[in-house]
Amino acid sequence: MTSSTSRSDPAPGAVGGAAVVKLTAAVGMMLVLVLGIFVSGRLAADDRAAMLLTAVWFAVVLVGGLVLTRRRASLRLPLAAGYAIVAAAATIVLGLPMLGDDEVNERVVVAAASLATPRTWAR
């Protein structure tokens, strides 16, 4: 007598459970990256340090994601999608303001003010 379910058949509710795990992985990746952006922005003393800390944080999370997906290949796409969404959003939100420059740093020739009284022209 054989059982009605074989080993290759998914358990009831497993497909929905896998979708929940993938969604949780993608949202978790996004939260970890966004929290890292906020923390590195608060810890940094200036803009360059904040950019460096954010880049290091993204690299650490990328390596962690790669290690995780070597063990669970089914999470590769959700983690990559979450990473790509946050990377694109951070580039747009944090990078675009750097392109616009509202401070002018250039040398301008300035003449000294004249102390003489204005002349009246006689006819």
PDB file of N, CA and C in Angstrom:
ATOM      1  N   MET A   1       0.850  -1.168   0.000  1.00  0.00           N
ATOM      2  CA  MET A   1       0.000   0.000   0.000  1.00  0.00           C
ATOM      3  C   MET A   1       0.900   1.236   0.000  1.00  0.00           C
ATOM      4  N   THR A   2       0.625   2.141  -0.923  1.00  0.00           N
ATOM      5  CA  THR A   2       1.419   3.360  -1.030  1.00  0.00           C
ATOM      6  C   THR A   2       0.611   4.532  -0.528  1.00  0.00           C
ATOM      7  N   SER A   3       1.295   5.528  -0.092  1.00  0.00           N
ATOM      8  CA  SER A   3       0.598   6.728   0.374  1.00  0.00           C
ATOM      9  C   SER A   3       0.158   7.552  -0.825  1.00  0.00           C
ATOM     10  N   SER A   4      -0.824   8.397  -0.631  1.00  0.00           N
ATOM     11  CA  SER A   4      -1.382   9.183  -1.726  1.00  0.00           C
ATOM     12  C   SER A   4      -0.496  10.372  -2.109  1.00  0.00           C
ATOM     13  N   THR A   5       0.382  10.775  -1.244  1.00  0.00           N
ATOM     14  CA  THR A   5       1.278  11.882  -1.558  1.00  0.00           C
ATOM     15  C   THR A   5       2.685  11.360  -1.720  1.00  0.00           C
ATOM     16  N   SER A   6       3.345  11.802  -2.761  1.00  0.00           N
ATOM     17  CA  SER A   6       4.737  11.416  -2.961  1.00  0.00           C
ATOM     18  C   SER A   6       5.641  12.468  -2.332  1.00  0.00           C
ATOM     19  N   ARG A   7       6.890  12.166  -2.302  1.00  0.00           N
ATOM     20  CA  ARG A   7       7.853  13.074  -1.675  1.00  0.00           C
ATOM     21  C   ARG A   7       8.015  14.362  -2.484  1.00  0.00           C
ATOM     22  N   SER A   8       7.774  14.341  -3.784  1.00  0.00           N
ATOM     23  CA  SER A   8       7.958  15.527  -4.602  1.00  0.00           C
ATOM     24  C   SER A   8       6.765  16.469  -4.551  1.00  0.00           C
ATOM     25  N   ASP A   9       5.612  16.018  -4.074  1.00  0.00           N
ATOM     26  CA  ASP A   9       4.446  16.881  -3.972  1.00  0.00           C
ATOM     27  C   ASP A   9       4.621  17.847  -2.813  1.00  0.00           C
ATOM     28  N   PRO A  10       4.285  19.138  -3.040  1.00  0.00           N
ATOM     29  CA  PRO A  10       4.397  20.087  -1.931  1.00  0.00           C
ATOM     30  C   PRO A  10       3.315  19.820  -0.891  1.00  0.00           C
ATOM     31  N   ALA A  11       3.647  20.114   0.321  1.00  0.00           N
ATOM     32  CA  ALA A  11       2.676  19.967   1.400  1.00  0.00           C
ATOM     33  C   ALA A  11       1.581  20.998   1.233  1.00  0.00           C
ATOM     34  N   PRO A  12       0.378  20.716   1.705  1.00  0.00           N
ATOM     35  CA  PRO A  12      -0.683  21.720   1.592  1.00  0.00           C
ATOM     36  C   PRO A  12      -0.281  23.022   2.277  1.00  0.00           C
ATOM     37  N   GLY A  13      -0.446  24.127   1.555  1.00  0.00           N
ATOM     38  CA  GLY A  13      -0.091  25.436   2.105  1.00  0.00           C
ATOM     39  C   GLY A  13       1.371  25.792   1.948  1.00  0.00           C
ATOM     40  N   ALA A  14       2.173  24.902   1.369  1.00  0.00           N
ATOM     41  CA  ALA A  14       3.612  25.179   1.236  1.00  0.00           C
ATOM     42  C   ALA A  14       3.888  26.258   0.203  1.00  0.00           C
ATOM     43  N   VAL A  15       3.087  26.297  -0.861  1.00  0.00           N
ATOM     44  CA  VAL A  15       3.311  27.311  -1.885  1.00  0.00           C
ATOM     45  C   VAL A  15       3.070  28.698  -1.305  1.00  0.00           C
ATOM     46  N   GLY A  16       2.006  28.877  -0.568  1.00  0.00           N
ATOM     47  CA  GLY A  16       1.734  30.153   0.088  1.00  0.00           C
ATOM     48  C   GLY A  16       2.783  30.484   1.125  1.00  0.00           C
ATOM     49  N   GLY A  17       3.269  29.461   1.829  1.00  0.00           N
ATOM     50  CA  GLY A  17       4.309  29.672   2.834  1.00  0.00           C
ATOM     51  C   GLY A  17       5.613  30.124   2.209  1.00  0.00           C
ATOM     52  N   ALA A  18       5.941  29.567   1.038  1.00  0.00           N
ATOM     53  CA  ALA A  18       7.161  29.971   0.344  1.00  0.00           C
ATOM     54  C   ALA A  18       7.066  31.422  -0.119  1.00  0.00           C
ATOM     55  N   ALA A  19       5.876  31.825  -0.558  1.00  0.00           N
ATOM     56  CA  ALA A  19       5.688  33.215  -0.993  1.00  0.00           C
ATOM     57  C   ALA A  19       5.843  34.173   0.178  1.00  0.00           C
ATOM     58  N   VAL A  20       5.356  33.768   1.330  1.00  0.00           N
ATOM     59  CA  VAL A  20       5.486  34.611   2.527  1.00  0.00           C
ATOM     60  C   VAL A  20       6.952  34.736   2.927  1.00  0.00           C
ATOM     61  N   VAL A  21       7.683  33.638   2.847  1.00  0.00           N
ATOM     62  CA  VAL A  21       9.110  33.669   3.192  1.00  0.00           C
ATOM     63  C   VAL A  21       9.864  34.581   2.221  1.00  0.00           C
ATOM     64  N   LYS A  22       9.557  34.498   0.922  1.00  0.00           N
ATOM     65  CA  LYS A  22      10.236  35.333  -0.068  1.00  0.00           C
ATOM     66  C   LYS A  22       9.895  36.807   0.124  1.00  0.00           C
ATOM     67  N   LEU A  23       8.632  37.097   0.395  1.00  0.00           N
ATOM     68  CA  LEU A  23       8.222  38.484   0.635  1.00  0.00           C
ATOM     69  C   LEU A  23       8.879  39.029   1.899  1.00  0.00           C
ATOM     70  N   THR A  24       8.936  38.204   2.926  1.00  0.00           N
ATOM     71  CA  THR A  24       9.578  38.615   4.176  1.00  0.00           C
ATOM     72  C   THR A  24      11.071  38.865   3.959  1.00  0.00           C
ATOM     73  N   ALA A  25      11.704  38.034   3.140  1.00  0.00           N
ATOM     74  CA  ALA A  25      13.130  38.227   2.856  1.00  0.00           C
ATOM     75  C   ALA A  25      13.365  39.543   2.107  1.00  0.00           C
ATOM     76  N   ALA A  26      12.518  39.837   1.125  1.00  0.00           N
ATOM     77  CA  ALA A  26      12.688  41.077   0.351  1.00  0.00           C
ATOM     78  C   ALA A  26      12.460  42.299   1.229  1.00  0.00           C
ATOM     79  N   VAL A  27      11.400  42.274   2.022  1.00  0.00           N
ATOM     80  CA  VAL A  27      11.107  43.411   2.908  1.00  0.00           C
ATOM     81  C   VAL A  27      12.180  43.538   3.983  1.00  0.00           C
ATOM     82  N   GLY A  28      12.660  42.411   4.490  1.00  0.00           N
ATOM     83  CA  GLY A  28      13.736  42.435   5.481  1.00  0.00           C
ATOM     84  C   GLY A  28      15.010  43.051   4.924  1.00  0.00           C
ATOM     85  N   MET A  29      15.348  42.691   3.691  1.00  0.00           N
ATOM     86  CA  MET A  29      16.523  43.282   3.038  1.00  0.00           C
ATOM     87  C   MET A  29      16.362  44.792   2.911  1.00  0.00           C
ATOM     88  N   MET A  30      15.174  45.206   2.511  1.00  0.00           N
ATOM     89  CA  MET A  30      14.918  46.637   2.341  1.00  0.00           C
ATOM     90  C   MET A  30      15.024  47.370   3.676  1.00  0.00           C
ATOM     91  N   LEU A  31      14.461  46.804   4.724  1.00  0.00           N
ATOM     92  CA  LEU A  31      14.512  47.445   6.045  1.00  0.00           C
ATOM     93  C   LEU A  31      15.941  47.546   6.564  1.00  0.00           C
ATOM     94  N   VAL A  32      16.704  46.485   6.395  1.00  0.00           N
ATOM     95  CA  VAL A  32      18.099  46.495   6.863  1.00  0.00           C
ATOM     96  C   VAL A  32      18.890  47.586   6.145  1.00  0.00           C
ATOM     97  N   LEU A  33      18.703  47.705   4.834  1.00  0.00           N
ATOM     98  CA  LEU A  33      19.435  48.733   4.090  1.00  0.00           C
ATOM     99  C   LEU A  33      19.001  50.143   4.481  1.00  0.00           C
ATOM    100  N   VAL A  34      17.699  50.363   4.599  1.00  0.00           N
ATOM    101  CA  VAL A  34      17.206  51.705   4.943  1.00  0.00           C
ATOM    102  C   VAL A  34      17.646  52.094   6.349  1.00  0.00           C
ATOM    103  N   LEU A  35      17.566  51.168   7.289  1.00  0.00           N
ATOM    104  CA  LEU A  35      18.035  51.470   8.648  1.00  0.00           C
ATOM    105  C   LEU A  35      19.529  51.776   8.650  1.00  0.00           C
ATOM    106  N   GLY A  36      20.293  51.060   7.839  1.00  0.00           N
ATOM    107  CA  GLY A  36      21.724  51.330   7.735  1.00  0.00           C
ATOM    108  C   GLY A  36      22.009  52.706   7.166  1.00  0.00           C
ATOM    109  N   ILE A  37      21.189  53.143   6.211  1.00  0.00           N
ATOM    110  CA  ILE A  37      21.357  54.483   5.648  1.00  0.00           C
ATOM    111  C   ILE A  37      21.121  55.534   6.721  1.00  0.00           C
ATOM    112  N   PHE A  38      20.058  55.355   7.496  1.00  0.00           N
ATOM    113  CA  PHE A  38      19.765  56.336   8.547  1.00  0.00           C
ATOM    114  C   PHE A  38      20.840  56.334   9.633  1.00  0.00           C
ATOM    115  N   VAL A  39      21.277  55.165  10.052  1.00  0.00           N
ATOM    116  CA  VAL A  39      22.295  55.086  11.108  1.00  0.00           C
ATOM    117  C   VAL A  39      23.613  55.675  10.622  1.00  0.00           C
ATOM    118  N   SER A  40      24.035  55.332   9.413  1.00  0.00           N
ATOM    119  CA  SER A  40      25.311  55.867   8.920  1.00  0.00           C
ATOM    120  C   SER A  40      25.224  57.373   8.695  1.00  0.00           C
ATOM    121  N   GLY A  41      24.070  57.874   8.328  1.00  0.00           N
ATOM    122  CA  GLY A  41      23.901  59.316   8.185  1.00  0.00           C
ATOM    123  C   GLY A  41      23.965  60.042   9.512  1.00  0.00           C
ATOM    124  N   ARG A  42      23.476  59.407  10.559  1.00  0.00           N
ATOM    125  CA  ARG A  42      23.509  60.035  11.889  1.00  0.00           C
ATOM    126  C   ARG A  42      24.893  59.927  12.529  1.00  0.00           C
ATOM    127  N   LEU A  43      25.626  58.875  12.246  1.00  0.00           N
ATOM    128  CA  LEU A  43      26.942  58.696  12.861  1.00  0.00           C
ATOM    129  C   LEU A  43      28.014  59.559  12.209  1.00  0.00           C
ATOM    130  N   ALA A  44      27.817  59.904  10.968  1.00  0.00           N
ATOM    131  CA  ALA A  44      28.859  60.610  10.222  1.00  0.00           C
ATOM    132  C   ALA A  44      28.937  62.076  10.614  1.00  0.00           C
ATOM    133  N   ALA A  45      30.164  62.593  10.579  1.00  0.00           N
ATOM    134  CA  ALA A  45      30.384  63.990  10.915  1.00  0.00           C
ATOM    135  C   ALA A  45      30.138  64.910   9.722  1.00  0.00           C
ATOM    136  N   ASP A  46      30.339  64.394   8.516  1.00  0.00           N
ATOM    137  CA  ASP A  46      30.126  65.212   7.326  1.00  0.00           C
ATOM    138  C   ASP A  46      29.579  64.342   6.201  1.00  0.00           C
ATOM    139  N   ASP A  47      29.362  64.959   5.047  1.00  0.00           N
ATOM    140  CA  ASP A  47      28.744  64.258   3.918  1.00  0.00           C
ATOM    141  C   ASP A  47      29.621  63.134   3.380  1.00  0.00           C
ATOM    142  N   ARG A  48      30.894  63.373   3.286  1.00  0.00           N
ATOM    143  CA  ARG A  48      31.785  62.344   2.738  1.00  0.00           C
ATOM    144  C   ARG A  48      31.853  61.127   3.641  1.00  0.00           C
ATOM    145  N   ALA A  49      31.900  61.340   4.937  1.00  0.00           N
ATOM    146  CA  ALA A  49      31.913  60.207   5.864  1.00  0.00           C
ATOM    147  C   ALA A  49      30.598  59.438   5.789  1.00  0.00           C
ATOM    148  N   ALA A  50      29.499  60.150   5.632  1.00  0.00           N
ATOM    149  CA  ALA A  50      28.201  59.482   5.510  1.00  0.00           C
ATOM    150  C   ALA A  50      28.149  58.635   4.241  1.00  0.00           C
ATOM    151  N   MET A  51      28.682  59.155   3.140  1.00  0.00           N
ATOM    152  CA  MET A  51      28.706  58.379   1.897  1.00  0.00           C
ATOM    153  C   MET A  51      29.580  57.144   2.041  1.00  0.00           C
ATOM    154  N   LEU A  52      30.723  57.294   2.711  1.00  0.00           N
ATOM    155  CA  LEU A  52      31.615  56.165   2.918  1.00  0.00           C
ATOM    156  C   LEU A  52      30.951  55.101   3.799  1.00  0.00           C
ATOM    157  N   LEU A  53      30.366  55.518   4.907  1.00  0.00           N
ATOM    158  CA  LEU A  53      29.700  54.560   5.788  1.00  0.00           C
ATOM    159  C   LEU A  53      28.532  53.868   5.096  1.00  0.00           C
ATOM    160  N   THR A  54      27.789  54.609   4.293  1.00  0.00           N
ATOM    161  CA  THR A  54      26.670  54.006   3.567  1.00  0.00           C
ATOM    162  C   THR A  54      27.175  52.994   2.549  1.00  0.00           C
ATOM    163  N   ALA A  55      28.236  53.319   1.839  1.00  0.00           N
ATOM    164  CA  ALA A  55      28.799  52.378   0.860  1.00  0.00           C
ATOM    165  C   ALA A  55      29.320  51.118   1.545  1.00  0.00           C
ATOM    166  N   VAL A  56      29.975  51.289   2.683  1.00  0.00           N
ATOM    167  CA  VAL A  56      30.470  50.129   3.434  1.00  0.00           C
ATOM    168  C   VAL A  56      29.293  49.289   3.912  1.00  0.00           C
ATOM    169  N   TRP A  57      28.231  49.930   4.390  1.00  0.00           N
ATOM    170  CA  TRP A  57      27.053  49.195   4.853  1.00  0.00           C
ATOM    171  C   TRP A  57      26.422  48.402   3.708  1.00  0.00           C
ATOM    172  N   PHE A  58      26.295  49.025   2.536  1.00  0.00           N
ATOM    173  CA  PHE A  58      25.737  48.323   1.384  1.00  0.00           C
ATOM    174  C   PHE A  58      26.601  47.120   1.019  1.00  0.00           C
ATOM    175  N   ALA A  59      27.927  47.263   1.092  1.00  0.00           N
ATOM    176  CA  ALA A  59      28.828  46.150   0.779  1.00  0.00           C
ATOM    177  C   ALA A  59      28.674  45.019   1.796  1.00  0.00           C
ATOM    178  N   VAL A  60      28.572  45.358   3.071  1.00  0.00           N
ATOM    179  CA  VAL A  60      28.404  44.333   4.111  1.00  0.00           C
ATOM    180  C   VAL A  60      27.088  43.584   3.904  1.00  0.00           C
ATOM    181  N   VAL A  61      26.022  44.306   3.613  1.00  0.00           N
ATOM    182  CA  VAL A  61      24.724  43.665   3.400  1.00  0.00           C
ATOM    183  C   VAL A  61      24.758  42.808   2.130  1.00  0.00           C
ATOM    184  N   LEU A  62      25.453  43.266   1.100  1.00  0.00           N
ATOM    185  CA  LEU A  62      25.577  42.489  -0.128  1.00  0.00           C
ATOM    186  C   LEU A  62      26.289  41.167   0.136  1.00  0.00           C
ATOM    187  N   VAL A  63      27.389  41.219   0.871  1.00  0.00           N
ATOM    188  CA  VAL A  63      28.128  39.996   1.188  1.00  0.00           C
ATOM    189  C   VAL A  63      27.251  39.066   2.038  1.00  0.00           C
ATOM    190  N   GLY A  64      26.531  39.626   2.999  1.00  0.00           N
ATOM    191  CA  GLY A  64      25.629  38.801   3.806  1.00  0.00           C
ATOM    192  C   GLY A  64      24.536  38.165   2.965  1.00  0.00           C
ATOM    193  N   GLY A  65      24.004  38.912   2.009  1.00  0.00           N
ATOM    194  CA  GLY A  65      22.990  38.362   1.120  1.00  0.00           C
ATOM    195  C   GLY A  65      23.547  37.256   0.238  1.00  0.00           C
ATOM    196  N   LEU A  66      24.775  37.433  -0.241  1.00  0.00           N
ATOM    197  CA  LEU A  66      25.395  36.393  -1.061  1.00  0.00           C
ATOM    198  C   LEU A  66      25.636  35.118  -0.264  1.00  0.00           C
ATOM    199  N   VAL A  67      26.081  35.265   0.970  1.00  0.00           N
ATOM    200  CA  VAL A  67      26.287  34.094   1.827  1.00  0.00           C
ATOM    201  C   VAL A  67      24.955  33.391   2.090  1.00  0.00           C
ATOM    202  N   LEU A  68      23.924  34.157   2.357  1.00  0.00           N
ATOM    203  CA  LEU A  68      22.607  33.577   2.622  1.00  0.00           C
ATOM    204  C   LEU A  68      22.054  32.864   1.397  1.00  0.00           C
ATOM    205  N   THR A  69      22.235  33.453   0.213  1.00  0.00           N
ATOM    206  CA  THR A  69      21.665  32.831  -0.984  1.00  0.00           C
ATOM    207  C   THR A  69      22.468  31.630  -1.460  1.00  0.00           C
ATOM    208  N   ARG A  70      23.674  31.456  -0.987  1.00  0.00           N
ATOM    209  CA  ARG A  70      24.398  30.212  -1.294  1.00  0.00           C
ATOM    210  C   ARG A  70      23.748  29.037  -0.593  1.00  0.00           C
ATOM    211  N   ARG A  71      23.159  29.310   0.550  1.00  0.00           N
ATOM    212  CA  ARG A  71      22.494  28.237   1.295  1.00  0.00           C
ATOM    213  C   ARG A  71      21.039  28.083   0.895  1.00  0.00           C
ATOM    214  N   ARG A  72      20.395  29.192   0.544  1.00  0.00           N
ATOM    215  CA  ARG A  72      18.973  29.170   0.162  1.00  0.00           C
ATOM    216  C   ARG A  72      18.825  29.870  -1.174  1.00  0.00           C
ATOM    217  N   ALA A  73      18.987  29.151  -2.246  1.00  0.00           N
ATOM    218  CA  ALA A  73      18.948  29.723  -3.582  1.00  0.00           C
ATOM    219  C   ALA A  73      17.579  30.294  -3.927  1.00  0.00           C
ATOM    220  N   SER A  74      16.535  29.818  -3.281  1.00  0.00           N
ATOM    221  CA  SER A  74      15.190  30.329  -3.579  1.00  0.00           C
ATOM    222  C   SER A  74      15.013  31.774  -3.135  1.00  0.00           C
ATOM    223  N   LEU A  75      15.903  32.269  -2.269  1.00  0.00           N
ATOM    224  CA  LEU A  75      15.811  33.650  -1.794  1.00  0.00           C
ATOM    225  C   LEU A  75      16.641  34.614  -2.635  1.00  0.00           C
ATOM    226  N   ARG A  76      17.314  34.099  -3.658  1.00  0.00           N
ATOM    227  CA  ARG A  76      18.207  34.943  -4.458  1.00  0.00           C
ATOM    228  C   ARG A  76      17.461  36.098  -5.122  1.00  0.00           C
ATOM    229  N   LEU A  77      16.358  35.811  -5.787  1.00  0.00           N
ATOM    230  CA  LEU A  77      15.617  36.858  -6.486  1.00  0.00           C
ATOM    231  C   LEU A  77      14.958  37.857  -5.530  1.00  0.00           C
ATOM    232  N   PRO A  78      14.283  37.405  -4.467  1.00  0.00           N
ATOM    233  CA  PRO A  78      13.680  38.398  -3.550  1.00  0.00           C
ATOM    234  C   PRO A  78      14.716  39.307  -2.882  1.00  0.00           C
ATOM    235  N   LEU A  79      15.846  38.745  -2.476  1.00  0.00           N
ATOM    236  CA  LEU A  79      16.874  39.570  -1.844  1.00  0.00           C
ATOM    237  C   LEU A  79      17.495  40.540  -2.844  1.00  0.00           C
ATOM    238  N   ALA A  80      17.726  40.069  -4.062  1.00  0.00           N
ATOM    239  CA  ALA A  80      18.292  40.944  -5.087  1.00  0.00           C
ATOM    240  C   ALA A  80      17.316  42.062  -5.444  1.00  0.00           C
ATOM    241  N   ALA A  81      16.028  41.736  -5.514  1.00  0.00           N
ATOM    242  CA  ALA A  81      15.025  42.760  -5.828  1.00  0.00           C
ATOM    243  C   ALA A  81      14.951  43.803  -4.720  1.00  0.00           C
ATOM    244  N   GLY A  82      14.932  43.375  -3.469  1.00  0.00           N
ATOM    245  CA  GLY A  82      14.912  44.324  -2.351  1.00  0.00           C
ATOM    246  C   GLY A  82      16.147  45.202  -2.335  1.00  0.00           C
ATOM    247  N   TYR A  83      17.304  44.606  -2.606  1.00  0.00           N
ATOM    248  CA  TYR A  83      18.553  45.362  -2.644  1.00  0.00           C
ATOM    249  C   TYR A  83      18.526  46.388  -3.777  1.00  0.00           C
ATOM    250  N   ALA A  84      18.075  45.961  -4.954  1.00  0.00           N
ATOM    251  CA  ALA A  84      18.061  46.848  -6.120  1.00  0.00           C
ATOM    252  C   ALA A  84      17.088  48.011  -5.928  1.00  0.00           C
ATOM    253  N   ILE A  85      15.943  47.749  -5.333  1.00  0.00           N
ATOM    254  CA  ILE A  85      14.948  48.809  -5.112  1.00  0.00           C
ATOM    255  C   ILE A  85      15.503  49.873  -4.177  1.00  0.00           C
ATOM    256  N   VAL A  86      16.113  49.452  -3.079  1.00  0.00           N
ATOM    257  CA  VAL A  86      16.649  50.424  -2.122  1.00  0.00           C
ATOM    258  C   VAL A  86      17.864  51.141  -2.706  1.00  0.00           C
ATOM    259  N   ALA A  87      18.707  50.433  -3.436  1.00  0.00           N
ATOM    260  CA  ALA A  87      19.878  51.077  -4.047  1.00  0.00           C
ATOM    261  C   ALA A  87      19.445  52.145  -5.054  1.00  0.00           C
ATOM    262  N   ALA A  88      18.441  51.834  -5.865  1.00  0.00           N
ATOM    263  CA  ALA A  88      17.952  52.813  -6.836  1.00  0.00           C
ATOM    264  C   ALA A  88      17.296  54.001  -6.136  1.00  0.00           C
ATOM    265  N   ALA A  89      16.487  53.731  -5.130  1.00  0.00           N
ATOM    266  CA  ALA A  89      15.822  54.819  -4.408  1.00  0.00           C
ATOM    267  C   ALA A  89      16.835  55.690  -3.675  1.00  0.00           C
ATOM    268  N   ALA A  90      17.839  55.079  -3.069  1.00  0.00           N
ATOM    269  CA  ALA A  90      18.864  55.856  -2.359  1.00  0.00           C
ATOM    270  C   ALA A  90      19.675  56.704  -3.332  1.00  0.00           C
ATOM    271  N   THR A  91      19.946  56.164  -4.511  1.00  0.00           N
ATOM    272  CA  THR A  91      20.676  56.924  -5.517  1.00  0.00           C
ATOM    273  C   THR A  91      19.883  58.145  -5.949  1.00  0.00           C
ATOM    274  N   ILE A  92      18.591  57.958  -6.145  1.00  0.00           N
ATOM    275  CA  ILE A  92      17.749  59.070  -6.585  1.00  0.00           C
ATOM    276  C   ILE A  92      17.569  60.091  -5.470  1.00  0.00           C
ATOM    277  N   VAL A  93      17.210  59.630  -4.291  1.00  0.00           N
ATOM    278  CA  VAL A  93      16.887  60.549  -3.193  1.00  0.00           C
ATOM    279  C   VAL A  93      18.137  61.223  -2.627  1.00  0.00           C
ATOM    280  N   LEU A  94      19.215  60.474  -2.475  1.00  0.00           N
ATOM    281  CA  LEU A  94      20.418  61.032  -1.863  1.00  0.00           C
ATOM    282  C   LEU A  94      21.396  61.595  -2.894  1.00  0.00           C
ATOM    283  N   GLY A  95      21.365  61.090  -4.107  1.00  0.00           N
ATOM    284  CA  GLY A  95      22.327  61.521  -5.112  1.00  0.00           C
ATOM    285  C   GLY A  95      21.923  62.739  -5.912  1.00  0.00           C
ATOM    286  N   LEU A  96      20.661  62.866  -6.223  1.00  0.00           N
ATOM    287  CA  LEU A  96      20.223  63.995  -7.045  1.00  0.00           C
ATOM    288  C   LEU A  96      20.468  65.356  -6.407  1.00  0.00           C
ATOM    289  N   PRO A  97      20.265  65.540  -5.109  1.00  0.00           N
ATOM    290  CA  PRO A  97      20.557  66.858  -4.534  1.00  0.00           C
ATOM    291  C   PRO A  97      22.032  67.269  -4.655  1.00  0.00           C
ATOM    292  N   MET A  98      22.925  66.308  -4.802  1.00  0.00           N
ATOM    293  CA  MET A  98      24.338  66.654  -4.946  1.00  0.00           C
ATOM    294  C   MET A  98      24.628  67.238  -6.316  1.00  0.00           C
ATOM    295  N   LEU A  99      23.786  66.945  -7.302  1.00  0.00           N
ATOM    296  CA  LEU A  99      24.023  67.452  -8.650  1.00  0.00           C
ATOM    297  C   LEU A  99      23.690  68.931  -8.769  1.00  0.00           C
ATOM    298  N   GLY A 100      22.697  69.378  -8.037  1.00  0.00           N
ATOM    299  CA  GLY A 100      22.353  70.795  -8.047  1.00  0.00           C
ATOM    300  C   GLY A 100      23.230  71.555  -7.079  1.00  0.00           C
ATOM    301  N   ASP A 101      23.817  72.649  -7.532  1.00  0.00           N
ATOM    302  CA  ASP A 101      24.723  73.415  -6.682  1.00  0.00           C
ATOM    303  C   ASP A 101      24.098  74.774  -6.419  1.00  0.00           C
ATOM    304  N   ASP A 102      23.836  75.086  -5.165  1.00  0.00           N
ATOM    305  CA  ASP A 102      23.238  76.372  -4.837  1.00  0.00           C
ATOM    306  C   ASP A 102      24.242  77.321  -4.189  1.00  0.00           C
ATOM    307  N   GLU A 103      25.498  76.965  -4.177  1.00  0.00           N
ATOM    308  CA  GLU A 103      26.535  77.834  -3.637  1.00  0.00           C
ATOM    309  C   GLU A 103      27.552  78.094  -4.743  1.00  0.00           C
ATOM    310  N   VAL A 104      27.861  79.346  -4.943  1.00  0.00           N
ATOM    311  CA  VAL A 104      28.797  79.717  -5.993  1.00  0.00           C
ATOM    312  C   VAL A 104      30.164  79.935  -5.351  1.00  0.00           C
ATOM    313  N   ASN A 105      31.136  79.187  -5.815  1.00  0.00           N
ATOM    314  CA  ASN A 105      32.506  79.336  -5.339  1.00  0.00           C
ATOM    315  C   ASN A 105      33.373  79.741  -6.532  1.00  0.00           C
ATOM    316  N   GLU A 106      33.391  81.028  -6.823  1.00  0.00           N
ATOM    317  CA  GLU A 106      34.208  81.509  -7.922  1.00  0.00           C
ATOM    318  C   GLU A 106      34.797  82.864  -7.561  1.00  0.00           C
ATOM    319  N   ARG A 107      35.868  83.207  -8.233  1.00  0.00           N
ATOM    320  CA  ARG A 107      36.506  84.496  -7.977  1.00  0.00           C
ATOM    321  C   ARG A 107      35.810  85.573  -8.803  1.00  0.00           C
ATOM    322  N   VAL A 108      35.449  86.623  -8.146  1.00  0.00           N
ATOM    323  CA  VAL A 108      34.786  87.737  -8.810  1.00  0.00           C
ATOM    324  C   VAL A 108      35.614  88.989  -8.551  1.00  0.00           C
ATOM    325  N   VAL A 109      35.856  89.744  -9.597  1.00  0.00           N
ATOM    326  CA  VAL A 109      36.616  90.982  -9.459  1.00  0.00           C
ATOM    327  C   VAL A 109      35.709  92.029  -8.851  1.00  0.00           C
ATOM    328  N   VAL A 110      36.176  92.660  -7.780  1.00  0.00           N
ATOM    329  CA  VAL A 110      35.392  93.683  -7.093  1.00  0.00           C
ATOM    330  C   VAL A 110      36.261  94.932  -6.991  1.00  0.00           C
ATOM    331  N   ALA A 111      35.717  96.060  -7.382  1.00  0.00           N
ATOM    332  CA  ALA A 111      36.447  97.329  -7.299  1.00  0.00           C
ATOM    333  C   ALA A 111      36.188  97.961  -5.936  1.00  0.00           C
ATOM    334  N   ALA A 112      37.164  98.729  -5.476  1.00  0.00           N
ATOM    335  CA  ALA A 112      37.008  99.432  -4.203  1.00  0.00           C
ATOM    336  C   ALA A 112      36.002 100.560  -4.380  1.00  0.00           C
ATOM    337  N   ALA A 113      35.272 100.826  -3.344  1.00  0.00           N
ATOM    338  CA  ALA A 113      34.279 101.909  -3.402  1.00  0.00           C
ATOM    339  C   ALA A 113      34.984 103.258  -3.480  1.00  0.00           C
ATOM    340  N   SER A 114      34.428 104.153  -4.225  1.00  0.00           N
ATOM    341  CA  SER A 114      35.009 105.473  -4.405  1.00  0.00           C
ATOM    342  C   SER A 114      34.617 106.373  -3.233  1.00  0.00           C
ATOM    343  N   LEU A 115      35.605 107.092  -2.691  1.00  0.00           N
ATOM    344  CA  LEU A 115      35.324 107.987  -1.576  1.00  0.00           C
ATOM    345  C   LEU A 115      35.058 109.422  -2.043  1.00  0.00           C
ATOM    346  N   ALA A 116      35.367 109.717  -3.274  1.00  0.00           N
ATOM    347  CA  ALA A 116      35.201 111.083  -3.799  1.00  0.00           C
ATOM    348  C   ALA A 116      33.732 111.360  -4.013  1.00  0.00           C
ATOM    349  N   THR A 117      33.424 112.672  -3.894  1.00  0.00           N
ATOM    350  CA  THR A 117      32.036 113.093  -4.126  1.00  0.00           C
ATOM    351  C   THR A 117      31.789 113.123  -5.612  1.00  0.00           C
ATOM    352  N   PRO A 118      30.586 112.928  -6.022  1.00  0.00           N
ATOM    353  CA  PRO A 118      30.302 112.936  -7.471  1.00  0.00           C
ATOM    354  C   PRO A 118      30.529 114.339  -8.041  1.00  0.00           C
ATOM    355  N   ARG A 119      31.063 114.389  -9.210  1.00  0.00           N
ATOM    356  CA  ARG A 119      31.340 115.682  -9.880  1.00  0.00           C
ATOM    357  C   ARG A 119      30.080 116.171 -10.571  1.00  0.00           C
ATOM    358  N   THR A 120      29.965 117.451 -10.554  1.00  0.00           N
ATOM    359  CA  THR A 120      28.903 118.091 -11.343  1.00  0.00           C
ATOM    360  C   THR A 120      29.542 118.686 -12.565  1.00  0.00           C
ATOM    361  N   TRP A 121      29.036 118.442 -13.662  1.00  0.00           N
ATOM    362  CA  TRP A 121      29.612 118.923 -14.916  1.00  0.00           C
ATOM    363  C   TRP A 121      29.157 120.350 -15.195  1.00  0.00           C
ATOM    364  N   ALA A 122      30.093 121.209 -15.402  1.00  0.00           N
ATOM    365  CA  ALA A 122      29.772 122.617 -15.714  1.00  0.00           C
ATOM    366  C   ALA A 122      29.682 122.786 -17.217  1.00  0.00           C
ATOM    367  N   ARG A 123      28.779 123.725 -17.629  1.00  0.00           N
ATOM    368  CA  ARG A 123      28.663 123.993 -19.059  1.00  0.00           C
ATOM    369  C   ARG A 123      29.393 125.192 -19.393  1.00  0.00           C
TER     370      ARG A 123
END
